[in-house]
Amino acid sequence: MRKILVIGIGAGDPDHLTLQAVKAVKTADVFFILDKGQEKADLVELRHEILTRHAGDRPYRVVAARDPERDRRAPTPGYAPAVDDWRRRRADVCEGLIRDELGDGECGAFLVWGDPALYDSTLTILDDILARGAVSFGYDVVPGVSSVSALAARHRTGLNQVGRPVRITTGRRLAEEGFPEGAEDVVVMLDAHEGYLGLRDEDLDIHWGAYVGTPDEILIAGRLAEVADRIAAARAEARARKGWIMDTYLLRRRR
């Protein structure tokens, strides 16, 4: 039977790979890479660097395919259908890769940014492919260092306070709903809407990071009312320079 490994590769630093992930990389025959285009070519280059550093001196293949475009501007009523459509088209691509590029008895791998269990679609897509019944394979998951844990480490802070919960949400929900009622610590991911800008009247601290773990890393922390505009300016400059941005932040209610 074909086997697939879903390997979390961390937030951007090749040293984020766990020993388990390094061992997994050394066992795969084929590495599947979904190319997001020239604008995000450095994400592909990082994966090649990881293979050069960790795959060892053995034969392996790298097979790339273009990642389908997703409508990221869909309004909230159409957001779920837009994501479903994108996942279906992505499943079509991944199914073709497994069917055509992975032989019986071979092991293929997807190198997943961050941790496969946190705001990543790979596991859902593999289950969808199996449910179709046209391709058969087994798969295992190797956890990775998420951008959330990397952010906390770089800011030398915890995600939660003693005996208190932490909530993880998206920028879209933050922009629509505001700071969650009753929450004290909120991690925000996927914030293309810069939802923190609408919270400057709240008494909050922010720990913000972009490209965490990479040479382009940017870290800003402080009282939200005082640093929100600085973050927005740094974010705009970085996005204009690189063509894309991946950022995460922790909002904490001040006491």
Protein backbone atom coordinates (compact mmCIF):
# COMPACT_ATOMS: atom_id res chain seq x y z
CA MET A 1 0.00 0.00 0.00
CA ARG A 2 1.04 3.57 -0.62
CA LYS A 3 1.86 5.60 2.49
CA ILE A 4 1.69 9.35 3.06
CA LEU A 5 3.48 11.31 5.78
CA VAL A 6 2.12 14.73 6.75
CA ILE A 7 5.14 16.40 8.33
CA GLY A 8 4.95 19.65 10.27
CA ILE A 9 8.08 21.63 9.43
CA GLY A 10 7.72 24.60 11.78
CA ALA A 11 7.19 28.31 11.36
CA GLY A 12 10.13 29.09 9.09
CA ASP A 13 13.40 28.04 10.72
CA PRO A 14 14.78 24.74 9.34
CA ASP A 15 15.90 23.99 12.90
CA HIS A 16 12.25 23.89 13.97
CA LEU A 17 11.99 20.32 12.73
CA THR A 18 11.64 17.87 15.60
CA LEU A 19 13.75 14.71 15.72
CA GLN A 20 10.60 12.81 14.75
CA ALA A 21 10.15 15.05 11.72
CA VAL A 22 13.79 14.59 10.67
CA LYS A 23 13.38 10.81 10.88
CA ALA A 24 10.20 11.04 8.81
CA VAL A 25 11.92 13.16 6.15
CA LYS A 26 14.61 10.50 5.84
CA THR A 27 12.04 7.78 5.06
CA ALA A 28 10.04 9.40 2.25
CA ASP A 29 10.59 8.46 -1.39
CA VAL A 30 8.62 11.36 -2.86
CA PHE A 31 8.01 14.88 -1.54
CA PHE A 32 4.95 16.69 -2.85
CA ILE A 33 5.14 20.49 -2.95
CA LEU A 34 2.21 22.74 -3.77
CA ASP A 35 3.69 25.80 -5.46
CA LYS A 36 1.94 29.09 -4.68
CA GLY A 37 3.65 30.95 -7.52
CA GLN A 38 6.60 33.28 -7.87
CA GLU A 39 5.27 35.66 -5.23
CA LYS A 40 5.77 32.99 -2.56
CA ALA A 41 8.76 31.22 -4.11
CA ASP A 42 10.74 31.50 -0.87
CA LEU A 43 8.26 29.11 0.78
CA VAL A 44 9.26 26.48 -1.79
CA GLU A 45 12.92 27.32 -1.36
CA LEU A 46 12.63 26.71 2.38
CA ARG A 47 11.28 23.23 1.76
CA HIS A 48 14.20 22.49 -0.57
CA GLU A 49 16.59 23.75 2.11
CA ILE A 50 14.98 21.42 4.62
CA LEU A 51 15.42 18.47 2.28
CA THR A 52 19.04 19.38 1.57
CA ARG A 53 19.73 19.59 5.29
CA HIS A 54 17.71 16.65 6.57
CA ALA A 55 16.87 14.12 3.84
CA GLY A 56 20.32 12.56 3.78
CA ASP A 57 22.42 11.19 0.92
CA ARG A 58 19.82 8.95 -0.67
CA PRO A 59 17.65 9.06 -3.75
CA TYR A 60 14.33 10.84 -3.46
CA ARG A 61 12.04 12.75 -5.80
CA VAL A 62 10.43 16.17 -5.48
CA VAL A 63 7.20 16.66 -7.39
CA ALA A 64 5.64 20.11 -7.54
CA ALA A 65 2.18 21.18 -8.65
CA ARG A 66 0.51 24.56 -8.72
CA ASP A 67 -1.68 25.22 -5.70
CA PRO A 68 -5.16 26.35 -6.81
CA GLU A 69 -6.00 29.97 -6.16
CA ARG A 70 -8.48 30.75 -3.39
CA ASP A 71 -10.94 33.64 -3.22
CA ARG A 72 -9.67 35.35 -0.05
CA ARG A 73 -11.94 38.37 -0.46
CA ALA A 74 -15.21 36.48 -0.28
CA PRO A 75 -17.63 38.16 2.15
CA THR A 76 -18.63 36.18 5.23
CA PRO A 77 -21.82 34.62 3.72
CA GLY A 78 -19.73 33.24 0.87
CA TYR A 79 -16.56 32.42 2.82
CA ALA A 80 -17.36 28.78 3.67
CA PRO A 81 -18.43 27.92 0.10
CA ALA A 82 -15.27 29.59 -1.24
CA VAL A 83 -13.10 27.50 1.10
CA ASP A 84 -15.01 24.33 0.19
CA ASP A 85 -14.47 25.01 -3.51
CA TRP A 86 -10.77 25.65 -2.97
CA ARG A 87 -10.36 22.45 -0.94
CA ARG A 88 -12.13 20.43 -3.62
CA ARG A 89 -9.79 21.74 -6.29
CA ARG A 90 -6.78 21.22 -4.03
CA ALA A 91 -7.93 17.65 -3.38
CA ASP A 92 -8.08 17.11 -7.15
CA VAL A 93 -4.43 18.17 -7.42
CA CYS A 94 -3.26 16.08 -4.47
CA GLU A 95 -5.19 13.03 -5.65
CA GLY A 96 -3.49 13.27 -9.03
CA LEU A 97 -0.05 13.56 -7.40
CA ILE A 98 -0.59 10.48 -5.24
CA ARG A 99 -2.12 8.47 -8.09
CA ASP A 100 0.46 9.36 -10.74
CA GLU A 101 3.67 9.95 -8.80
CA LEU A 102 3.59 7.47 -5.91
CA GLY A 103 4.14 3.80 -6.69
CA ASP A 104 2.85 0.83 -4.72
CA GLY A 105 4.86 0.41 -1.55
CA GLU A 106 6.35 3.90 -1.77
CA CYS A 107 6.15 6.63 0.86
CA GLY A 108 5.20 10.17 -0.07
CA ALA A 109 5.31 13.26 2.12
CA PHE A 110 3.69 16.67 2.36
CA LEU A 111 5.83 19.22 4.21
CA VAL A 112 3.29 21.33 6.06
CA TRP A 113 4.07 24.82 7.30
CA GLY A 114 3.77 25.03 11.09
CA ASP A 115 1.67 22.25 12.60
CA PRO A 116 -0.74 20.17 10.48
CA ALA A 117 -3.41 20.31 13.21
CA LEU A 118 -3.70 24.10 13.39
CA TYR A 119 -5.43 26.01 10.57
CA ASP A 120 -4.12 23.73 7.81
CA SER A 121 -6.24 21.83 5.30
CA THR A 122 -3.97 18.89 4.45
CA LEU A 123 -5.57 16.34 6.80
CA THR A 124 -9.11 17.21 5.69
CA ILE A 125 -8.06 16.99 2.05
CA LEU A 126 -6.47 13.56 2.48
CA ASP A 127 -9.64 12.29 4.18
CA ASP A 128 -11.69 13.69 1.30
CA ILE A 129 -9.48 11.89 -1.22
CA LEU A 130 -9.82 8.60 0.64
CA ALA A 131 -13.60 9.06 0.78
CA ARG A 132 -13.71 9.35 -3.01
CA GLY A 133 -12.39 5.78 -3.23
CA ALA A 134 -10.30 6.19 -6.38
CA VAL A 135 -6.90 6.10 -4.62
CA SER A 136 -5.92 3.99 -1.61
CA PHE A 137 -3.22 4.89 0.90
CA GLY A 138 -2.51 5.10 4.60
CA TYR A 139 -1.18 8.22 6.29
CA ASP A 140 0.53 9.33 9.48
CA VAL A 141 0.94 12.81 10.95
CA VAL A 142 4.10 14.28 12.46
CA PRO A 143 3.40 17.39 14.59
CA GLY A 144 5.38 20.56 14.06
CA VAL A 145 6.27 23.83 15.78
CA SER A 146 3.34 26.16 15.12
CA SER A 147 3.65 29.88 14.48
CA VAL A 148 1.76 30.29 17.76
CA SER A 149 4.35 28.51 19.88
CA ALA A 150 7.20 30.13 17.92
CA LEU A 151 5.66 33.58 18.49
CA ALA A 152 5.43 33.03 22.25
CA ALA A 153 9.00 31.78 22.39
CA ARG A 154 10.39 34.74 20.45
CA HIS A 155 8.55 37.19 22.71
CA ARG A 156 9.57 35.19 25.80
CA THR A 157 6.03 35.03 27.07
CA GLY A 158 3.41 32.40 27.82
CA LEU A 159 0.24 32.02 25.83
CA ASN A 160 -1.91 31.81 28.93
CA GLN A 161 -1.81 33.17 32.46
CA VAL A 162 -1.87 30.98 35.56
CA GLY A 163 -5.00 28.85 35.57
CA ARG A 164 -6.55 30.81 32.70
CA PRO A 165 -7.57 29.65 29.21
CA VAL A 166 -6.24 30.92 25.91
CA ARG A 167 -8.41 31.26 22.83
CA ILE A 168 -7.19 30.86 19.23
CA THR A 169 -9.21 32.58 16.52
CA THR A 170 -8.90 34.13 13.08
CA GLY A 171 -8.53 37.71 11.98
CA ARG A 172 -11.82 37.50 10.11
CA ARG A 173 -13.74 36.58 13.28
CA LEU A 174 -11.89 39.19 15.34
CA ALA A 175 -12.78 41.91 12.83
CA GLU A 176 -16.44 40.86 12.80
CA GLU A 177 -16.98 40.07 16.48
CA GLY A 178 -14.39 42.12 18.35
CA PHE A 179 -12.39 40.91 21.32
CA PRO A 180 -14.17 37.79 22.64
CA GLU A 181 -16.33 38.50 25.69
CA GLY A 182 -14.84 37.12 28.88
CA ALA A 183 -11.50 36.32 27.28
CA GLU A 184 -8.15 37.45 28.64
CA ASP A 185 -5.65 35.93 26.19
CA VAL A 186 -6.48 35.58 22.49
CA VAL A 187 -4.16 34.36 19.73
CA VAL A 188 -5.08 35.64 16.28
CA MET A 189 -4.03 33.93 13.04
CA LEU A 190 -4.76 34.53 9.36
CA ASP A 191 -5.48 38.22 9.87
CA ALA A 192 -5.63 39.72 6.40
CA HIS A 193 -8.21 42.16 7.84
CA GLU A 194 -5.90 43.62 10.52
CA GLY A 195 -8.61 43.19 13.10
CA TYR A 196 -6.40 44.54 15.88
CA LEU A 197 -6.78 48.06 14.46
CA GLY A 198 -10.41 48.10 15.53
CA LEU A 199 -9.50 47.30 19.13
CA ARG A 200 -7.32 50.28 19.97
CA ASP A 201 -9.88 51.53 22.48
CA GLU A 202 -9.61 48.24 24.39
CA ASP A 203 -7.10 48.00 27.24
CA LEU A 204 -4.94 45.32 25.62
CA ASP A 205 -1.31 44.38 25.16
CA ILE A 206 -0.17 42.82 21.90
CA HIS A 207 2.72 40.52 21.02
CA TRP A 208 2.94 40.54 17.22
CA GLY A 209 5.28 38.69 14.88
CA ALA A 210 5.66 38.30 11.12
CA TYR A 211 7.80 35.71 9.29
CA VAL A 212 8.64 34.26 12.70
CA GLY A 213 11.71 32.04 12.60
CA THR A 214 12.99 33.39 9.27
CA PRO A 215 15.66 35.99 8.45
CA ASP A 216 12.81 38.45 7.71
CA GLU A 217 11.32 38.12 11.19
CA ILE A 218 9.65 41.23 12.65
CA LEU A 219 8.60 41.42 16.31
CA ILE A 220 6.65 44.25 17.97
CA ALA A 221 5.13 44.23 21.45
CA GLY A 222 3.48 46.77 23.71
CA ARG A 223 0.20 48.39 24.61
CA LEU A 224 -2.07 47.99 21.60
CA ALA A 225 -3.17 51.64 21.57
CA GLU A 226 0.47 52.72 21.38
CA VAL A 227 1.86 50.23 18.82
CA ALA A 228 -1.10 49.42 16.53
CA ASP A 229 -0.14 52.00 13.89
CA ARG A 230 3.51 50.91 14.06
CA ILE A 231 2.47 47.31 13.42
CA ALA A 232 0.24 48.36 10.52
CA ALA A 233 3.10 50.33 8.93
CA ALA A 234 5.59 47.47 9.40
CA ARG A 235 3.08 45.03 7.97
CA ALA A 236 2.38 47.16 4.90
CA GLU A 237 6.09 47.70 4.21
CA ALA A 238 6.90 44.01 4.57
CA ARG A 239 4.02 42.92 2.35
CA ALA A 240 5.01 45.43 -0.34
CA ARG A 241 8.63 44.24 -0.19
CA LYS A 242 8.01 40.48 -0.19
CA GLY A 243 4.62 40.25 -1.90
CA TRP A 244 3.09 38.24 0.97
CA ILE A 245 2.99 38.18 4.74
CA MET A 246 2.38 35.56 7.41
CA ASP A 247 1.84 37.03 10.86
CA THR A 248 0.40 35.94 14.18
CA TYR A 249 -0.24 37.82 17.40
CA LEU A 250 -1.30 37.43 21.01
CA LEU A 251 -3.74 39.93 22.54
CA ARG A 252 -3.79 40.08 26.33
CA ARG A 253 -6.23 41.96 28.52
CA ARG A 254 -4.30 44.35 30.77
CA ARG A 255 -4.80 44.00 34.52
